[in-house]
Amino acid sequence: TFSGYYMGWFRQAPGKAREFVSVISRSGDSTFY
């Protein structure tokens, strides 16, 4: 049931903490960056 999950992207640069990149809603109709 992949459609039941909000999916996000994060990144971690060398020597830095992990940071938020983007997220998409379960249906794919809403995004945030």
Full PDB file with SEQRES, HELIX, SHEET, SSBOND, CRYST1, ORIGX, SCALE, CONECT and MASTER records, all heavy atoms in Angstrom:
SEQRES   1 A   33  THR PHE SER GLY TYR TYR MET GLY TRP PHE ARG GLN ALA          
SEQRES   2 A   33  PRO GLY LYS ALA ARG GLU PHE VAL SER VAL ILE SER ARG          
SEQRES   3 A   33  SER GLY ASP SER THR PHE TYR                                  
HELIX    1 AA1 PHE A    2  GLY A    4  5                                   3    
SHEET    1 AA1 3 MET A   7  ARG A  11  0                                        
SHEET    2 AA1 3 GLU A  19  ILE A  24 -1                                        
SHEET    3 AA1 3 THR A  31  PHE A  32 -1                                        
CRYST1    1.000    1.000    1.000  90.00  90.00  90.00 P 1           1          
ORIGX1      1.000000  0.000000  0.000000        0.00000                         
ORIGX2      0.000000  1.000000  0.000000        0.00000                         
ORIGX3      0.000000  0.000000  1.000000        0.00000                         
SCALE1      1.000000  0.000000  0.000000        0.00000                         
SCALE2      0.000000  1.000000  0.000000        0.00000                         
SCALE3      0.000000  0.000000  1.000000        0.00000                         
ATOM      1  N   THR A   1       0.836  -1.202   0.000  1.00  0.00           N  
ATOM      2  CA  THR A   1       0.000   0.000   0.000  1.00  0.00           C  
ATOM      3  C   THR A   1       0.866   1.245   0.000  1.00  0.00           C  
ATOM      4  O   THR A   1       0.875   2.024   0.961  1.00  0.00           O  
ATOM      5  CB  THR A   1      -0.945  -0.001   1.212  1.00  0.00           C  
ATOM      6  OG1 THR A   1      -0.183  -0.150   2.420  1.00  0.00           O  
ATOM      7  CG2 THR A   1      -1.940  -1.145   1.106  1.00  0.00           C  
ATOM      8  N   PHE A   2       1.573   1.464  -1.091  1.00  0.00           N  
ATOM      9  CA  PHE A   2       2.466   2.605  -1.213  1.00  0.00           C  
ATOM     10  C   PHE A   2       1.718   3.927  -1.078  1.00  0.00           C  
ATOM     11  O   PHE A   2       2.253   4.898  -0.530  1.00  0.00           O  
ATOM     12  CB  PHE A   2       3.199   2.535  -2.552  1.00  0.00           C  
ATOM     13  CG  PHE A   2       4.128   3.680  -2.803  1.00  0.00           C  
ATOM     14  CD1 PHE A   2       5.266   3.851  -2.039  1.00  0.00           C  
ATOM     15  CD2 PHE A   2       3.867   4.591  -3.818  1.00  0.00           C  
ATOM     16  CE1 PHE A   2       6.135   4.904  -2.269  1.00  0.00           C  
ATOM     17  CE2 PHE A   2       4.728   5.645  -4.063  1.00  0.00           C  
ATOM     18  CZ  PHE A   2       5.865   5.803  -3.287  1.00  0.00           C  
ATOM     19  N   SER A   3       0.486   3.969  -1.568  1.00  0.00           N  
ATOM     20  CA  SER A   3      -0.294   5.193  -1.523  1.00  0.00           C  
ATOM     21  C   SER A   3      -0.679   5.597  -0.103  1.00  0.00           C  
ATOM     22  O   SER A   3      -1.193   6.694   0.105  1.00  0.00           O  
ATOM     23  CB  SER A   3      -1.564   5.059  -2.373  1.00  0.00           C  
ATOM     24  OG  SER A   3      -2.388   4.008  -1.892  1.00  0.00           O  
ATOM     25  N   GLY A   4      -0.428   4.757   0.866  1.00  0.00           N  
ATOM     26  CA  GLY A   4      -0.711   5.079   2.249  1.00  0.00           C  
ATOM     27  C   GLY A   4       0.402   5.837   2.951  1.00  0.00           C  
ATOM     28  O   GLY A   4       0.276   6.145   4.135  1.00  0.00           O  
ATOM     29  N   TYR A   5       1.481   6.151   2.244  1.00  0.00           N  
ATOM     30  CA  TYR A   5       2.647   6.789   2.847  1.00  0.00           C  
ATOM     31  C   TYR A   5       2.912   8.174   2.271  1.00  0.00           C  
ATOM     32  O   TYR A   5       2.871   8.369   1.057  1.00  0.00           O  
ATOM     33  CB  TYR A   5       3.894   5.935   2.633  1.00  0.00           C  
ATOM     34  CG  TYR A   5       3.864   4.607   3.358  1.00  0.00           C  
ATOM     35  CD1 TYR A   5       3.293   3.486   2.770  1.00  0.00           C  
ATOM     36  CD2 TYR A   5       4.414   4.490   4.629  1.00  0.00           C  
ATOM     37  CE1 TYR A   5       3.262   2.275   3.437  1.00  0.00           C  
ATOM     38  CE2 TYR A   5       4.389   3.282   5.297  1.00  0.00           C  
ATOM     39  CZ  TYR A   5       3.813   2.182   4.698  1.00  0.00           C  
ATOM     40  OH  TYR A   5       3.789   0.973   5.357  1.00  0.00           O  
ATOM     41  N   TYR A   6       3.175   9.115   3.153  1.00  0.00           N  
ATOM     42  CA  TYR A   6       3.809  10.361   2.751  1.00  0.00           C  
ATOM     43  C   TYR A   6       5.276  10.045   2.473  1.00  0.00           C  
ATOM     44  O   TYR A   6       5.922   9.313   3.235  1.00  0.00           O  
ATOM     45  CB  TYR A   6       3.709  11.413   3.851  1.00  0.00           C  
ATOM     46  CG  TYR A   6       2.304  11.908   4.079  1.00  0.00           C  
ATOM     47  CD1 TYR A   6       1.394  11.170   4.830  1.00  0.00           C  
ATOM     48  CD2 TYR A   6       1.886  13.127   3.548  1.00  0.00           C  
ATOM     49  CE1 TYR A   6       0.105  11.620   5.036  1.00  0.00           C  
ATOM     50  CE2 TYR A   6       0.602  13.588   3.756  1.00  0.00           C  
ATOM     51  CZ  TYR A   6      -0.280  12.832   4.499  1.00  0.00           C  
ATOM     52  OH  TYR A   6      -1.562  13.294   4.709  1.00  0.00           O  
ATOM     53  N   MET A   7       5.804  10.595   1.396  1.00  0.00           N  
ATOM     54  CA  MET A   7       7.176  10.307   0.991  1.00  0.00           C  
ATOM     55  C   MET A   7       8.005  11.583   0.983  1.00  0.00           C  
ATOM     56  O   MET A   7       7.596  12.592   0.410  1.00  0.00           O  
ATOM     57  CB  MET A   7       7.207   9.662  -0.386  1.00  0.00           C  
ATOM     58  CG  MET A   7       6.505   8.310  -0.460  1.00  0.00           C  
ATOM     59  SD  MET A   7       7.274   7.062   0.620  1.00  0.00           S  
ATOM     60  CE  MET A   7       8.938   6.996  -0.060  1.00  0.00           C  
ATOM     61  N   GLY A   8       9.165  11.512   1.610  1.00  0.00           N  
ATOM     62  CA  GLY A   8      10.034  12.673   1.698  1.00  0.00           C  
ATOM     63  C   GLY A   8      11.437  12.387   1.204  1.00  0.00           C  
ATOM     64  O   GLY A   8      11.852  11.236   1.077  1.00  0.00           O  
ATOM     65  N   TRP A   9      12.142  13.468   0.901  1.00  0.00           N  
ATOM     66  CA  TRP A   9      13.558  13.416   0.562  1.00  0.00           C  
ATOM     67  C   TRP A   9      14.331  14.276   1.552  1.00  0.00           C  
ATOM     68  O   TRP A   9      13.922  15.405   1.864  1.00  0.00           O  
ATOM     69  CB  TRP A   9      13.826  13.916  -0.858  1.00  0.00           C  
ATOM     70  CG  TRP A   9      13.417  12.973  -1.940  1.00  0.00           C  
ATOM     71  CD1 TRP A   9      12.266  12.982  -2.663  1.00  0.00           C  
ATOM     72  CD2 TRP A   9      14.190  11.870  -2.445  1.00  0.00           C  
ATOM     73  NE1 TRP A   9      12.254  11.970  -3.584  1.00  0.00           N  
ATOM     74  CE2 TRP A   9      13.432  11.260  -3.470  1.00  0.00           C  
ATOM     75  CE3 TRP A   9      15.438  11.341  -2.131  1.00  0.00           C  
ATOM     76  CZ2 TRP A   9      13.882  10.149  -4.184  1.00  0.00           C  
ATOM     77  CZ3 TRP A   9      15.888  10.230  -2.839  1.00  0.00           C  
ATOM     78  CH2 TRP A   9      15.113   9.657  -3.845  1.00  0.00           C  
ATOM     79  N   PHE A  10      15.435  13.741   2.027  1.00  0.00           N  
ATOM     80  CA  PHE A  10      16.369  14.452   2.883  1.00  0.00           C  
ATOM     81  C   PHE A  10      17.765  14.334   2.293  1.00  0.00           C  
ATOM     82  O   PHE A  10      18.018  13.496   1.431  1.00  0.00           O  
ATOM     83  CB  PHE A  10      16.356  13.880   4.308  1.00  0.00           C  
ATOM     84  CG  PHE A  10      15.104  14.162   5.074  1.00  0.00           C  
ATOM     85  CD1 PHE A  10      13.934  13.468   4.812  1.00  0.00           C  
ATOM     86  CD2 PHE A  10      15.088  15.124   6.071  1.00  0.00           C  
ATOM     87  CE1 PHE A  10      12.772  13.718   5.516  1.00  0.00           C  
ATOM     88  CE2 PHE A  10      13.935  15.385   6.792  1.00  0.00           C  
ATOM     89  CZ  PHE A  10      12.780  14.687   6.512  1.00  0.00           C  
ATOM     90  N   ARG A  11      18.669  15.165   2.773  1.00  0.00           N  
ATOM     91  CA  ARG A  11      20.047  15.069   2.326  1.00  0.00           C  
ATOM     92  C   ARG A  11      20.989  15.398   3.472  1.00  0.00           C  
ATOM     93  O   ARG A  11      20.635  16.116   4.408  1.00  0.00           O  
ATOM     94  CB  ARG A  11      20.321  15.984   1.135  1.00  0.00           C  
ATOM     95  CG  ARG A  11      20.236  17.477   1.453  1.00  0.00           C  
ATOM     96  CD  ARG A  11      20.397  18.292   0.182  1.00  0.00           C  
ATOM     97  NE  ARG A  11      20.374  19.719   0.440  1.00  0.00           N  
ATOM     98  CZ  ARG A  11      20.420  20.647  -0.506  1.00  0.00           C  
ATOM     99  NH1 ARG A  11      20.498  20.301  -1.785  1.00  0.00           N  
ATOM    100  NH2 ARG A  11      20.395  21.941  -0.175  1.00  0.00           N  
ATOM    101  N   GLN A  12      22.197  14.861   3.371  1.00  0.00           N  
ATOM    102  CA  GLN A  12      23.213  15.116   4.375  1.00  0.00           C  
ATOM    103  C   GLN A  12      24.537  15.392   3.678  1.00  0.00           C  
ATOM    104  O   GLN A  12      25.102  14.510   3.032  1.00  0.00           O  
ATOM    105  CB  GLN A  12      23.347  13.933   5.336  1.00  0.00           C  
ATOM    106  CG  GLN A  12      24.256  14.205   6.513  1.00  0.00           C  
ATOM    107  CD  GLN A  12      24.124  13.162   7.603  1.00  0.00           C  
ATOM    108  OE1 GLN A  12      23.674  12.046   7.358  1.00  0.00           O  
ATOM    109  NE2 GLN A  12      24.510  13.522   8.810  1.00  0.00           N  
ATOM    110  N   ALA A  13      25.014  16.612   3.809  1.00  0.00           N  
ATOM    111  CA  ALA A  13      26.274  17.023   3.221  1.00  0.00           C  
ATOM    112  C   ALA A  13      27.416  16.647   4.149  1.00  0.00           C  
ATOM    113  O   ALA A  13      27.216  16.438   5.352  1.00  0.00           O  
ATOM    114  CB  ALA A  13      26.270  18.520   2.964  1.00  0.00           C  
ATOM    115  N   PRO A  14      28.638  16.561   3.619  1.00  0.00           N  
ATOM    116  CA  PRO A  14      29.787  16.208   4.458  1.00  0.00           C  
ATOM    117  C   PRO A  14      29.944  17.147   5.642  1.00  0.00           C  
ATOM    118  O   PRO A  14      29.949  18.368   5.483  1.00  0.00           O  
ATOM    119  CB  PRO A  14      30.971  16.329   3.498  1.00  0.00           C  
ATOM    120  CG  PRO A  14      30.379  16.094   2.148  1.00  0.00           C  
ATOM    121  CD  PRO A  14      29.015  16.717   2.206  1.00  0.00           C  
ATOM    122  N   GLY A  15      30.047  16.577   6.827  1.00  0.00           N  
ATOM    123  CA  GLY A  15      30.247  17.351   8.028  1.00  0.00           C  
ATOM    124  C   GLY A  15      29.033  18.118   8.517  1.00  0.00           C  
ATOM    125  O   GLY A  15      29.158  18.924   9.441  1.00  0.00           O  
ATOM    126  N   LYS A  16      27.875  17.885   7.924  1.00  0.00           N  
ATOM    127  CA  LYS A  16      26.680  18.609   8.317  1.00  0.00           C  
ATOM    128  C   LYS A  16      25.567  17.651   8.729  1.00  0.00           C  
ATOM    129  O   LYS A  16      25.606  16.462   8.423  1.00  0.00           O  
ATOM    130  CB  LYS A  16      26.190  19.497   7.175  1.00  0.00           C  
ATOM    131  CG  LYS A  16      27.161  20.593   6.770  1.00  0.00           C  
ATOM    132  CD  LYS A  16      26.576  21.483   5.702  1.00  0.00           C  
ATOM    133  CE  LYS A  16      27.523  22.601   5.332  1.00  0.00           C  
ATOM    134  NZ  LYS A  16      26.957  23.479   4.284  1.00  0.00           N  
ATOM    135  N   ALA A  17      24.572  18.190   9.399  1.00  0.00           N  
ATOM    136  CA  ALA A  17      23.428  17.403   9.821  1.00  0.00           C  
ATOM    137  C   ALA A  17      22.487  17.133   8.651  1.00  0.00           C  
ATOM    138  O   ALA A  17      22.483  17.850   7.654  1.00  0.00           O  
ATOM    139  CB  ALA A  17      22.688  18.113  10.943  1.00  0.00           C  
ATOM    140  N   ARG A  18      21.694  16.112   8.798  1.00  0.00           N  
ATOM    141  CA  ARG A  18      20.703  15.797   7.786  1.00  0.00           C  
ATOM    142  C   ARG A  18      19.657  16.909   7.718  1.00  0.00           C  
ATOM    143  O   ARG A  18      19.206  17.408   8.750  1.00  0.00           O  
ATOM    144  CB  ARG A  18      20.040  14.464   8.103  1.00  0.00           C  
ATOM    145  CG  ARG A  18      19.051  13.989   7.062  1.00  0.00           C  
ATOM    146  CD  ARG A  18      18.506  12.613   7.428  1.00  0.00           C  
ATOM    147  NE  ARG A  18      19.569  11.620   7.486  1.00  0.00           N  
ATOM    148  CZ  ARG A  18      19.376  10.347   7.802  1.00  0.00           C  
ATOM    149  NH1 ARG A  18      18.162   9.913   8.095  1.00  0.00           N  
ATOM    150  NH2 ARG A  18      20.402   9.509   7.839  1.00  0.00           N  
ATOM    151  N   GLU A  19      19.272  17.294   6.505  1.00  0.00           N  
ATOM    152  CA  GLU A  19      18.315  18.363   6.341  1.00  0.00           C  
ATOM    153  C   GLU A  19      17.190  17.951   5.402  1.00  0.00           C  
ATOM    154  O   GLU A  19      17.366  17.142   4.493  1.00  0.00           O  
ATOM    155  CB  GLU A  19      18.989  19.638   5.815  1.00  0.00           C  
ATOM    156  CG  GLU A  19      19.552  19.522   4.412  1.00  0.00           C  
ATOM    157  CD  GLU A  19      20.100  20.832   3.886  1.00  0.00           C  
ATOM    158  OE1 GLU A  19      19.855  21.888   4.501  1.00  0.00           O  
ATOM    159  OE2 GLU A  19      20.788  20.804   2.840  1.00  0.00           O  
ATOM    160  N   PHE A  20      16.049  18.545   5.623  1.00  0.00           N  
ATOM    161  CA  PHE A  20      14.864  18.277   4.823  1.00  0.00           C  
ATOM    162  C   PHE A  20      14.993  18.884   3.442  1.00  0.00           C  
ATOM    163  O   PHE A  20      15.485  20.000   3.279  1.00  0.00           O  
ATOM    164  CB  PHE A  20      13.639  18.843   5.543  1.00  0.00           C  
ATOM    165  CG  PHE A  20      12.393  18.871   4.711  1.00  0.00           C  
ATOM    166  CD1 PHE A  20      11.684  17.710   4.456  1.00  0.00           C  
ATOM    167  CD2 PHE A  20      11.921  20.062   4.200  1.00  0.00           C  
ATOM    168  CE1 PHE A  20      10.531  17.733   3.699  1.00  0.00           C  
ATOM    169  CE2 PHE A  20      10.764  20.104   3.448  1.00  0.00           C  
ATOM    170  CZ  PHE A  20      10.068  18.930   3.192  1.00  0.00           C  
ATOM    171  N   VAL A  21      14.503  18.155   2.428  1.00  0.00           N  
ATOM    172  CA  VAL A  21      14.496  18.636   1.050  1.00  0.00           C  
ATOM    173  C   VAL A  21      13.073  18.851   0.556  1.00  0.00           C  
ATOM    174  O   VAL A  21      12.708  19.951   0.138  1.00  0.00           O  
ATOM    175  CB  VAL A  21      15.234  17.665   0.114  1.00  0.00           C  
ATOM    176  CG1 VAL A  21      15.111  18.124  -1.338  1.00  0.00           C  
ATOM    177  CG2 VAL A  21      16.695  17.549   0.512  1.00  0.00           C  
ATOM    178  N   SER A  22      12.256  17.799   0.604  1.00  0.00           N  
ATOM    179  CA  SER A  22      10.910  17.893   0.041  1.00  0.00           C  
ATOM    180  C   SER A  22      10.051  16.748   0.543  1.00  0.00           C  
ATOM    181  O   SER A  22      10.559  15.720   0.992  1.00  0.00           O  
ATOM    182  CB  SER A  22      10.976  17.866  -1.493  1.00  0.00           C  
ATOM    183  OG  SER A  22       9.686  18.020  -2.064  1.00  0.00           O  
ATOM    184  N   VAL A  23       8.737  16.927   0.448  1.00  0.00           N  
ATOM    185  CA  VAL A  23       7.782  15.884   0.801  1.00  0.00           C  
ATOM    186  C   VAL A  23       6.607  15.953  -0.166  1.00  0.00           C  
ATOM    187  O   VAL A  23       6.273  17.025  -0.680  1.00  0.00           O  
ATOM    188  CB  VAL A  23       7.297  16.030   2.265  1.00  0.00           C  
ATOM    189  CG1 VAL A  23       6.534  17.337   2.451  1.00  0.00           C  
ATOM    190  CG2 VAL A  23       6.454  14.837   2.683  1.00  0.00           C  
ATOM    191  N   ILE A  24       5.982  14.816  -0.401  1.00  0.00           N  
ATOM    192  CA  ILE A  24       4.821  14.741  -1.270  1.00  0.00           C  
ATOM    193  C   ILE A  24       3.720  13.967  -0.559  1.00  0.00           C  
ATOM    194  O   ILE A  24       3.986  12.998   0.154  1.00  0.00           O  
ATOM    195  CB  ILE A  24       5.184  14.102  -2.632  1.00  0.00           C  
ATOM    196  CG1 ILE A  24       4.022  14.210  -3.618  1.00  0.00           C  
ATOM    197  CG2 ILE A  24       5.625  12.652  -2.452  1.00  0.00           C  
ATOM    198  CD1 ILE A  24       4.428  13.888  -5.054  1.00  0.00           C  
ATOM    199  N   SER A  25       2.484  14.408  -0.756  1.00  0.00           N  
ATOM    200  CA  SER A  25       1.352  13.774  -0.102  1.00  0.00           C  
ATOM    201  C   SER A  25       1.085  12.391  -0.668  1.00  0.00           C  
ATOM    202  O   SER A  25       1.665  11.982  -1.672  1.00  0.00           O  
ATOM    203  CB  SER A  25       0.106  14.647  -0.246  1.00  0.00           C  
ATOM    204  OG  SER A  25      -0.259  14.780  -1.609  1.00  0.00           O  
ATOM    205  N   ARG A  26       0.196  11.681  -0.021  1.00  0.00           N  
ATOM    206  CA  ARG A  26      -0.075  10.297  -0.400  1.00  0.00           C  
ATOM    207  C   ARG A  26      -0.624  10.162  -1.813  1.00  0.00           C  
ATOM    208  O   ARG A  26      -0.247   9.240  -2.547  1.00  0.00           O  
ATOM    209  CB  ARG A  26      -1.031   9.656   0.605  1.00  0.00           C  
ATOM    210  CG  ARG A  26      -0.427   9.495   1.995  1.00  0.00           C  
ATOM    211  CD  ARG A  26      -1.434   8.978   2.986  1.00  0.00           C  
ATOM    212  NE  ARG A  26      -2.532   9.910   3.189  1.00  0.00           N  
ATOM    213  CZ  ARG A  26      -3.528   9.715   4.030  1.00  0.00           C  
ATOM    214  NH1 ARG A  26      -3.565   8.606   4.760  1.00  0.00           N  
ATOM    215  NH2 ARG A  26      -4.482  10.618   4.147  1.00  0.00           N  
ATOM    216  N   SER A  27      -1.483  11.077  -2.204  1.00  0.00           N  
ATOM    217  CA  SER A  27      -2.052  11.061  -3.545  1.00  0.00           C  
ATOM    218  C   SER A  27      -1.144  11.712  -4.580  1.00  0.00           C  
ATOM    219  O   SER A  27      -1.353  11.528  -5.784  1.00  0.00           O  
ATOM    220  CB  SER A  27      -3.401  11.764  -3.550  1.00  0.00           C  
ATOM    221  OG  SER A  27      -3.258  13.133  -3.241  1.00  0.00           O  
ATOM    222  N   GLY A  28      -0.171  12.478  -4.128  1.00  0.00           N  
ATOM    223  CA  GLY A  28       0.724  13.179  -5.020  1.00  0.00           C  
ATOM    224  C   GLY A  28       0.254  14.555  -5.440  1.00  0.00           C  
ATOM    225  O   GLY A  28       0.926  15.209  -6.240  1.00  0.00           O  
ATOM    226  N   ASP A  29      -0.860  15.023  -4.907  1.00  0.00           N  
ATOM    227  CA  ASP A  29      -1.409  16.300  -5.334  1.00  0.00           C  
ATOM    228  C   ASP A  29      -0.915  17.490  -4.518  1.00  0.00           C  
ATOM    229  O   ASP A  29      -1.258  18.632  -4.846  1.00  0.00           O  
ATOM    230  CB  ASP A  29      -2.939  16.273  -5.326  1.00  0.00           C  
ATOM    231  CG  ASP A  29      -3.517  15.951  -3.962  1.00  0.00           C  
ATOM    232  OD1 ASP A  29      -2.748  15.707  -3.017  1.00  0.00           O  
ATOM    233  OD2 ASP A  29      -4.759  15.943  -3.848  1.00  0.00           O  
ATOM    234  N   SER A  30      -0.112  17.247  -3.483  1.00  0.00           N  
ATOM    235  CA  SER A  30       0.436  18.332  -2.673  1.00  0.00           C  
ATOM    236  C   SER A  30       1.915  18.093  -2.418  1.00  0.00           C  
ATOM    237  O   SER A  30       2.327  16.961  -2.154  1.00  0.00           O  
ATOM    238  CB  SER A  30      -0.303  18.453  -1.342  1.00  0.00           C  
ATOM    239  OG  SER A  30      -1.670  18.765  -1.546  1.00  0.00           O  
ATOM    240  N   THR A  31       2.685  19.167  -2.490  1.00  0.00           N  
ATOM    241  CA  THR A  31       4.124  19.078  -2.263  1.00  0.00           C  
ATOM    242  C   THR A  31       4.595  20.241  -1.408  1.00  0.00           C  
ATOM    243  O   THR A  31       3.950  21.289  -1.332  1.00  0.00           O  
ATOM    244  CB  THR A  31       4.910  19.071  -3.580  1.00  0.00           C  
ATOM    245  OG1 THR A  31       4.619  20.275  -4.306  1.00  0.00           O  
ATOM    246  CG2 THR A  31       4.533  17.872  -4.431  1.00  0.00           C  
ATOM    247  N   PHE A  32       5.741  20.061  -0.783  1.00  0.00           N  
ATOM    248  CA  PHE A  32       6.339  21.096   0.043  1.00  0.00           C  
ATOM    249  C   PHE A  32       7.848  20.969  -0.073  1.00  0.00           C  
ATOM    250  O   PHE A  32       8.389  19.859  -0.084  1.00  0.00           O  
ATOM    251  CB  PHE A  32       5.888  20.960   1.496  1.00  0.00           C  
ATOM    252  CG  PHE A  32       6.532  21.938   2.430  1.00  0.00           C  
ATOM    253  CD1 PHE A  32       6.266  23.289   2.331  1.00  0.00           C  
ATOM    254  CD2 PHE A  32       7.412  21.515   3.417  1.00  0.00           C  
ATOM    255  CE1 PHE A  32       6.856  24.201   3.182  1.00  0.00           C  
ATOM    256  CE2 PHE A  32       8.007  22.410   4.278  1.00  0.00           C  
ATOM    257  CZ  PHE A  32       7.726  23.761   4.161  1.00  0.00           C  
ATOM    258  N   TYR A  33       8.539  22.125  -0.147  1.00  0.00           N  
ATOM    259  CA  TYR A  33       9.980  22.146  -0.352  1.00  0.00           C  
ATOM    260  C   TYR A  33      10.676  23.026   0.676  1.00  0.00           C  
ATOM    261  O   TYR A  33      10.101  23.992   1.178  1.00  0.00           O  
ATOM    262  CB  TYR A  33      10.326  22.677  -1.743  1.00  0.00           C  
ATOM    263  CG  TYR A  33       9.763  21.866  -2.884  1.00  0.00           C  
ATOM    264  CD1 TYR A  33       8.497  22.137  -3.394  1.00  0.00           C  
ATOM    265  CD2 TYR A  33      10.501  20.824  -3.447  1.00  0.00           C  
ATOM    266  CE1 TYR A  33       7.980  21.391  -4.434  1.00  0.00           C  
ATOM    267  CE2 TYR A  33       9.988  20.082  -4.489  1.00  0.00           C  
ATOM    268  CZ  TYR A  33       8.726  20.371  -4.981  1.00  0.00           C  
ATOM    269  OH  TYR A  33       8.214  19.634  -6.020  1.00  0.00           O  
TER     270      TYR A  33                                                      
MASTER        0    0    0    1    3    0    0    6  269    1    0    3          
END                                                                             
